[in-house]
C-alpha atoms as a PDB file:
ATOM      1  CA  MET A   1     -24.300  90.712  30.856  1.00  0.00           C
ATOM      2  CA  LYS A   2     -20.690  91.733  30.148  1.00  0.00           C
ATOM      3  CA  VAL A   3     -20.493  93.557  33.462  1.00  0.00           C
ATOM      4  CA  ARG A   4     -21.573  90.402  35.295  1.00  0.00           C
ATOM      5  CA  GLN A   5     -18.936  88.334  33.443  1.00  0.00           C
ATOM      6  CA  GLY A   6     -16.294  90.940  34.302  1.00  0.00           C
ATOM      7  CA  VAL A   7     -17.233  90.825  37.980  1.00  0.00           C
ATOM      8  CA  VAL A   8     -17.114  86.998  38.001  1.00  0.00           C
ATOM      9  CA  VAL A   9     -13.706  86.943  36.273  1.00  0.00           C
ATOM     10  CA  ALA A  10     -12.338  89.568  38.675  1.00  0.00           C
ATOM     11  CA  ALA A  11     -13.653  87.652  41.705  1.00  0.00           C
ATOM     12  CA  LEU A  12     -12.108  84.412  40.480  1.00  0.00           C
ATOM     13  CA  GLY A  13      -8.804  86.167  39.802  1.00  0.00           C
ATOM     14  CA  ILE A  14      -8.689  87.627  43.304  1.00  0.00           C
ATOM     15  CA  ALA A  15      -9.602  84.259  44.816  1.00  0.00           C
ATOM     16  CA  LEU A  16      -6.822  82.497  42.914  1.00  0.00           C
ATOM     17  CA  MET A  17      -4.211  85.116  43.790  1.00  0.00           C
ATOM     18  CA  GLY A  18      -5.077  85.019  47.464  1.00  0.00           C
ATOM     19  CA  CYS A  19      -5.112  81.252  47.921  1.00  0.00           C
ATOM     20  CA  GLY A  20      -2.541  81.364  50.744  1.00  0.00           C
ATOM     21  CA  VAL A  21       0.426  79.646  49.077  1.00  0.00           C
ATOM     22  CA  GLN A  22       3.571  81.506  50.045  1.00  0.00           C
ATOM     23  CA  PRO A  23       6.583  81.602  47.718  1.00  0.00           C
ATOM     24  CA  THR A  24       9.687  79.717  48.831  1.00  0.00           C
ATOM     25  CA  GLY A  25      13.332  79.960  48.000  1.00  0.00           C
ATOM     26  CA  VAL A  26      15.673  77.330  46.667  1.00  0.00           C
ATOM     27  CA  ILE A  27      15.978  74.270  48.907  1.00  0.00           C
ATOM     28  CA  GLY A  28      19.397  72.611  48.965  1.00  0.00           C
ATOM     29  CA  ALA A  29      19.293  68.846  48.518  1.00  0.00           C
ATOM     30  CA  GLY A  30      22.951  67.988  48.007  1.00  0.00           C
ATOM     31  CA  GLU A  31      24.793  67.177  44.818  1.00  0.00           C
ATOM     32  CA  ALA A  32      23.245  65.485  41.830  1.00  0.00           C
ATOM     33  CA  ALA A  33      23.963  61.812  41.230  1.00  0.00           C
ATOM     34  CA  SER A  34      27.039  61.228  39.128  1.00  0.00           C
ATOM     35  CA  GLY A  35      29.444  58.525  38.114  1.00  0.00           C
ATOM     36  CA  LEU A  36      29.870  55.997  35.387  1.00  0.00           C
ATOM     37  CA  THR A  37      27.779  52.878  35.119  1.00  0.00           C
ATOM     38  CA  ARG A  38      28.815  49.696  33.443  1.00  0.00           C
ATOM     39  CA  GLY A  39      26.338  47.907  31.234  1.00  0.00           C
ATOM     40  CA  MET A  40      22.658  48.578  31.488  1.00  0.00           C
ATOM     41  CA  ARG A  41      19.941  47.873  34.027  1.00  0.00           C
ATOM     42  CA  LEU A  42      16.447  46.537  33.693  1.00  0.00           C
ATOM     43  CA  TYR A  43      13.930  47.256  36.437  1.00  0.00           C
ATOM     44  CA  PHE A  44      11.549  44.531  37.579  1.00  0.00           C
ATOM     45  CA  ALA A  45       8.579  45.052  39.875  1.00  0.00           C
ATOM     46  CA  SER A  46       8.315  42.805  42.922  1.00  0.00           C
ATOM     47  CA  ASP A  47       6.288  42.746  46.140  1.00  0.00           C
ATOM     48  CA  SER A  48       8.904  44.938  47.806  1.00  0.00           C
ATOM     49  CA  GLY A  49       9.114  47.483  44.961  1.00  0.00           C
ATOM     50  CA  LEU A  50      11.317  47.986  41.929  1.00  0.00           C
ATOM     51  CA  ARG A  51      14.537  45.991  41.640  1.00  0.00           C
ATOM     52  CA  ALA A  52      17.383  46.962  39.325  1.00  0.00           C
ATOM     53  CA  VAL A  53      19.039  44.014  37.603  1.00  0.00           C
ATOM     54  CA  PRO A  54      22.363  44.815  35.904  1.00  0.00           C
ATOM     55  CA  LEU A  55      23.007  43.292  32.493  1.00  0.00           C
ATOM     56  CA  LEU A  56      26.776  43.433  32.255  1.00  0.00           C
ATOM     57  CA  ASP A  57      27.398  40.876  29.526  1.00  0.00           C
ATOM     58  CA  ARG A  58      24.599  41.664  27.091  1.00  0.00           C
ATOM     59  CA  GLU A  59      24.523  44.108  24.246  1.00  0.00           C
ATOM     60  CA  VAL A  60      21.086  45.264  23.202  1.00  0.00           C
ATOM     61  CA  LYS A  61      20.645  46.860  19.804  1.00  0.00           C
ATOM     62  CA  ASP A  62      16.877  47.124  19.403  1.00  0.00           C
ATOM     63  CA  LEU A  63      13.661  47.385  21.368  1.00  0.00           C
ATOM     64  CA  ASN A  64      12.602  43.796  20.632  1.00  0.00           C
ATOM     65  CA  ALA A  65      15.642  42.474  22.501  1.00  0.00           C
ATOM     66  CA  VAL A  66      14.741  44.573  25.548  1.00  0.00           C
ATOM     67  CA  VAL A  67      11.154  43.307  25.486  1.00  0.00           C
ATOM     68  CA  LYS A  68      12.414  39.701  25.324  1.00  0.00           C
ATOM     69  CA  LEU A  69      14.713  40.304  28.307  1.00  0.00           C
ATOM     70  CA  LEU A  70      11.864  41.814  30.298  1.00  0.00           C
ATOM     71  CA  ALA A  71       9.531  38.934  29.389  1.00  0.00           C
ATOM     72  CA  ALA A  72      12.137  36.372  30.520  1.00  0.00           C
ATOM     73  CA  GLY A  73      12.245  37.958  33.961  1.00  0.00           C
ATOM     74  CA  PRO A  74      15.218  38.424  36.254  1.00  0.00           C
ATOM     75  CA  PRO A  75      17.908  35.734  36.411  1.00  0.00           C
ATOM     76  CA  PRO A  76      17.569  33.207  39.253  1.00  0.00           C
ATOM     77  CA  ALA A  77      20.529  34.773  41.085  1.00  0.00           C
ATOM     78  CA  GLU A  78      18.664  38.054  41.315  1.00  0.00           C
END
């Protein structure tokens, strides 16, 4: 019984090692995003995807305030 389990484990190990995925090197994708942002942003989902709405004049100190802002939705100008 142990011999059969050993053969099965060895066969699975060989199958996983030889799955055909070749190693790759590092792919350059440019510099990371940087820069300062002013205020904070809330993201709202719309038919066209996510929209970032900046909140420049609001200071949020707790999670309840963020939930209330999200529940109110984006301002009409956005």
